[in-house]
Amino acid sequence: MKTARHRTCSIALALGAVCSGFALGAQTKIGDPVPQFTLTSMGGKEMFFKDMQTGGPIFLFFIRDGDSVTQQATYYINQIIKDYGTSRATWYGIINANKDRARSYQAEVNPPFQLERDENTSAVKIFGVTNPPVIFEYSRRGKLMNVWKGYSEANLISLNTEMARVSRKPLQSIDFSKAPQSIQFGVDYAGTGTRIGGG
């Protein structure tokens, strides 16, 4: 009889193509270098990819402020990050919000990752993201390794497996059964501008 952990492993292995073969656009194919982009730190400093580089892979999690699908996905993603830690992988949340709203989000969610602002959605456009949530994994040298587009049980299982690999820790058995079976997408970024106020 298969345990939940074995089920997680077998499904994740079967779904390897969910991540490794995915392309969001002409400039975001697996193996491509990270595009040139800038973000704004919570302290107001301009951030480049070189400022994010550490000794391990870098995960960029695109969050649309106020989006219910992204909010649901974030609950599980936060759990995955907390279970494996960030000693071997660095996570950045990229939110389309101004300084005040980003600070409110940080206080509300208390995310286990560093939050950066993409107030004018310039990074969203450069990366070719249309609907959240989207996660990019880059190597420390800036090569695209994996992409998770949308929110589903399958994507969460695949992400969980990848975090176990990069953290060099045993695969954690996390209950993803309440996540959607088919991929869900949040509200399109196009034409939304910066969302102010409200949760």
Protein backbone atom coordinates (compact mmCIF):
# COMPACT_ATOMS: atom_id res chain seq x y z
CA MET A 1 0.00 0.00 0.00
CA LYS A 2 1.38 3.42 -1.00
CA THR A 3 1.77 6.03 1.67
CA ALA A 4 0.99 9.71 1.07
CA ARG A 5 4.71 10.29 0.71
CA HIS A 6 5.10 7.58 -1.94
CA ARG A 7 2.07 8.97 -3.77
CA THR A 8 3.65 12.42 -3.71
CA CYS A 9 6.93 11.07 -5.11
CA SER A 10 5.35 9.04 -7.90
CA ILE A 11 3.05 11.84 -9.03
CA ALA A 12 5.86 14.37 -8.97
CA LEU A 13 8.14 12.15 -11.03
CA ALA A 14 5.38 11.61 -13.56
CA LEU A 15 4.84 15.35 -13.79
CA GLY A 16 8.44 16.36 -14.41
CA ALA A 17 7.43 17.95 -17.71
CA VAL A 18 5.10 20.32 -15.86
CA CYS A 19 8.19 22.31 -14.93
CA SER A 20 11.14 21.43 -17.07
CA GLY A 21 9.50 21.69 -20.48
CA PHE A 22 7.51 24.83 -19.89
CA ALA A 23 7.91 28.08 -21.79
CA LEU A 24 6.07 31.31 -21.00
CA GLY A 25 7.31 33.13 -24.04
CA ALA A 26 10.18 33.58 -26.43
CA GLN A 27 12.47 34.94 -23.71
CA THR A 28 11.58 32.56 -20.88
CA LYS A 29 12.48 29.07 -22.06
CA ILE A 30 14.26 26.54 -19.89
CA GLY A 31 18.00 27.16 -20.08
CA ASP A 32 17.66 30.83 -21.05
CA PRO A 33 19.57 33.47 -19.09
CA VAL A 34 17.64 35.65 -16.70
CA PRO A 35 16.32 38.76 -18.49
CA GLN A 36 17.42 42.22 -17.46
CA PHE A 37 14.94 43.55 -14.91
CA THR A 38 14.74 45.82 -11.90
CA LEU A 39 12.62 45.73 -8.77
CA THR A 40 12.27 48.01 -5.77
CA SER A 41 13.13 46.71 -2.34
CA MET A 42 10.93 47.40 0.64
CA GLY A 43 13.46 50.03 1.66
CA GLY A 44 13.19 51.77 -1.72
CA LYS A 45 16.45 50.49 -3.21
CA GLU A 46 16.65 49.49 -6.87
CA MET A 47 17.24 45.73 -7.10
CA PHE A 48 18.88 43.74 -9.90
CA PHE A 49 19.35 40.00 -10.27
CA LYS A 50 22.99 40.34 -9.22
CA ASP A 51 21.74 41.69 -5.89
CA MET A 52 19.73 38.51 -5.38
CA GLN A 53 22.42 35.99 -6.21
CA THR A 54 23.54 33.64 -3.47
CA GLY A 55 25.20 30.24 -3.38
CA GLY A 56 22.14 28.32 -4.53
CA PRO A 57 19.12 28.53 -6.81
CA ILE A 58 16.85 31.57 -6.74
CA PHE A 59 13.05 31.35 -6.83
CA LEU A 60 11.05 34.33 -8.11
CA PHE A 61 7.40 34.14 -7.04
CA PHE A 62 5.13 36.58 -8.90
CA ILE A 63 2.23 37.72 -6.71
CA ARG A 64 -0.71 39.80 -7.84
CA ASP A 65 -1.93 41.82 -4.89
CA GLY A 66 -5.54 41.11 -3.97
CA ASP A 67 -5.83 38.02 -6.17
CA SER A 68 -7.70 35.18 -4.45
CA VAL A 69 -6.06 32.38 -6.45
CA THR A 70 -2.59 33.66 -5.60
CA GLN A 71 -3.65 33.98 -1.97
CA GLN A 72 -4.71 30.33 -1.89
CA ALA A 73 -1.49 29.19 -3.56
CA THR A 74 0.61 31.31 -1.20
CA TYR A 75 -0.67 29.36 1.80
CA TYR A 76 0.86 26.15 0.42
CA ILE A 77 3.98 27.79 -1.01
CA ASN A 78 4.74 29.36 2.36
CA GLN A 79 4.40 25.94 3.96
CA ILE A 80 6.82 24.39 1.47
CA ILE A 81 9.41 27.12 2.07
CA LYS A 82 9.08 26.85 5.85
CA ASP A 83 9.44 23.06 5.76
CA TYR A 84 12.70 23.12 3.79
CA GLY A 85 14.16 26.43 4.89
CA THR A 86 16.15 28.86 2.78
CA SER A 87 19.74 27.92 3.57
CA ARG A 88 20.26 26.37 0.10
CA ALA A 89 17.63 28.24 -1.92
CA THR A 90 16.65 31.90 -1.87
CA TRP A 91 13.06 33.02 -2.43
CA TYR A 92 11.79 36.43 -3.53
CA GLY A 93 8.15 37.44 -3.72
CA ILE A 94 7.51 40.00 -6.46
CA ILE A 95 4.35 41.99 -5.81
CA ASN A 96 2.60 44.62 -7.96
CA ALA A 97 2.02 47.05 -5.12
CA ASN A 98 3.18 50.43 -3.91
CA LYS A 99 5.27 50.81 -0.76
CA ASP A 100 2.39 51.20 1.69
CA ARG A 101 0.38 48.33 0.31
CA ALA A 102 3.45 46.09 0.10
CA ARG A 103 4.16 46.77 3.76
CA SER A 104 0.57 45.94 4.65
CA TYR A 105 0.83 42.68 2.69
CA GLN A 106 4.03 41.80 4.49
CA ALA A 107 2.40 42.42 7.87
CA GLU A 108 -0.71 40.42 6.92
CA VAL A 109 1.01 37.41 5.38
CA ASN A 110 4.39 37.39 7.16
CA PRO A 111 5.91 35.54 4.20
CA PRO A 112 8.99 33.33 4.62
CA PHE A 113 10.62 35.11 1.68
CA GLN A 114 11.94 38.56 0.89
CA LEU A 115 9.33 40.80 -0.71
CA GLU A 116 10.23 43.08 -3.63
CA ARG A 117 7.99 45.58 -5.40
CA ASP A 118 7.13 45.66 -9.10
CA GLU A 119 4.81 48.63 -8.77
CA ASN A 120 4.49 49.37 -12.50
CA THR A 121 4.50 45.67 -13.49
CA SER A 122 7.65 46.19 -15.57
CA ALA A 123 9.18 42.89 -14.40
CA VAL A 124 5.86 41.14 -15.05
CA LYS A 125 6.07 42.28 -18.68
CA ILE A 126 9.76 41.43 -19.07
CA PHE A 127 9.21 37.90 -17.79
CA GLY A 128 6.10 37.45 -19.92
CA VAL A 129 3.83 36.74 -16.96
CA THR A 130 0.14 37.25 -17.69
CA ASN A 131 -1.78 35.57 -14.87
CA PRO A 132 -0.47 34.74 -11.40
CA PRO A 133 0.78 32.81 -9.62
CA VAL A 134 4.01 32.04 -11.48
CA ILE A 135 7.31 30.84 -10.01
CA PHE A 136 10.65 30.86 -11.83
CA GLU A 137 13.65 28.92 -10.56
CA TYR A 138 17.05 30.20 -11.69
CA SER A 139 20.46 28.70 -11.07
CA ARG A 140 22.95 30.82 -9.17
CA ARG A 141 24.48 31.66 -12.55
CA GLY A 142 21.18 32.97 -13.86
CA LYS A 143 19.96 30.12 -16.07
CA LEU A 144 16.25 29.27 -16.01
CA MET A 145 15.81 25.82 -14.48
CA ASN A 146 12.07 25.44 -13.87
CA VAL A 147 8.78 27.29 -14.23
CA TRP A 148 5.58 26.65 -12.31
CA LYS A 149 2.64 28.45 -13.90
CA GLY A 150 -0.69 28.52 -12.10
CA TYR A 151 -1.95 26.81 -8.97
CA SER A 152 -2.83 23.14 -8.74
CA GLU A 153 -2.08 20.04 -6.69
CA ALA A 154 0.25 18.79 -9.43
CA ASN A 155 2.29 21.99 -9.48
CA LEU A 156 2.56 22.03 -5.70
CA ILE A 157 3.73 18.41 -5.64
CA SER A 158 6.34 19.18 -8.28
CA LEU A 159 7.52 22.28 -6.40
CA ASN A 160 7.70 20.31 -3.15
CA THR A 161 9.88 17.70 -4.83
CA GLU A 162 12.21 20.33 -6.27
CA MET A 163 12.59 22.04 -2.90
CA ALA A 164 13.52 18.70 -1.32
CA ARG A 165 16.15 18.23 -4.01
CA VAL A 166 17.76 21.67 -3.74
CA SER A 167 17.63 21.73 0.07
CA ARG A 168 19.05 18.19 0.26
CA LYS A 169 16.40 17.22 2.77
CA PRO A 170 13.93 14.32 2.86
CA LEU A 171 10.74 14.89 0.91
CA GLN A 172 8.15 16.39 3.24
CA SER A 173 4.66 14.93 3.20
CA ILE A 174 2.37 17.94 2.81
CA ASP A 175 -1.35 17.55 2.27
CA PHE A 176 -2.14 19.21 -1.06
CA SER A 177 -5.45 17.37 -1.50
CA LYS A 178 -7.53 20.54 -1.09
CA ALA A 179 -5.67 22.28 -3.92
CA PRO A 180 -7.43 22.23 -7.32
CA GLN A 181 -6.94 19.23 -9.58
CA SER A 182 -6.84 21.41 -12.70
CA ILE A 183 -4.59 24.43 -12.96
CA GLN A 184 -6.14 27.66 -11.69
CA PHE A 185 -5.00 31.14 -12.71
CA GLY A 186 -5.52 34.47 -11.05
CA VAL A 187 -6.63 37.81 -12.49
CA ASP A 188 -4.68 39.04 -15.50
CA TYR A 189 -2.06 41.68 -14.75
CA ALA A 190 -2.83 43.55 -17.98
CA GLY A 191 -4.38 46.95 -17.40
CA THR A 192 -4.66 46.48 -13.63
CA GLY A 193 -2.01 49.00 -12.62
CA THR A 194 -1.17 49.15 -8.93
CA ARG A 195 -3.78 47.97 -6.52
CA ILE A 196 -4.08 50.23 -3.51
CA GLY A 197 -5.67 49.34 -0.19
CA GLY A 198 -7.79 46.38 0.73
CA GLY A 199 -6.66 42.82 1.26
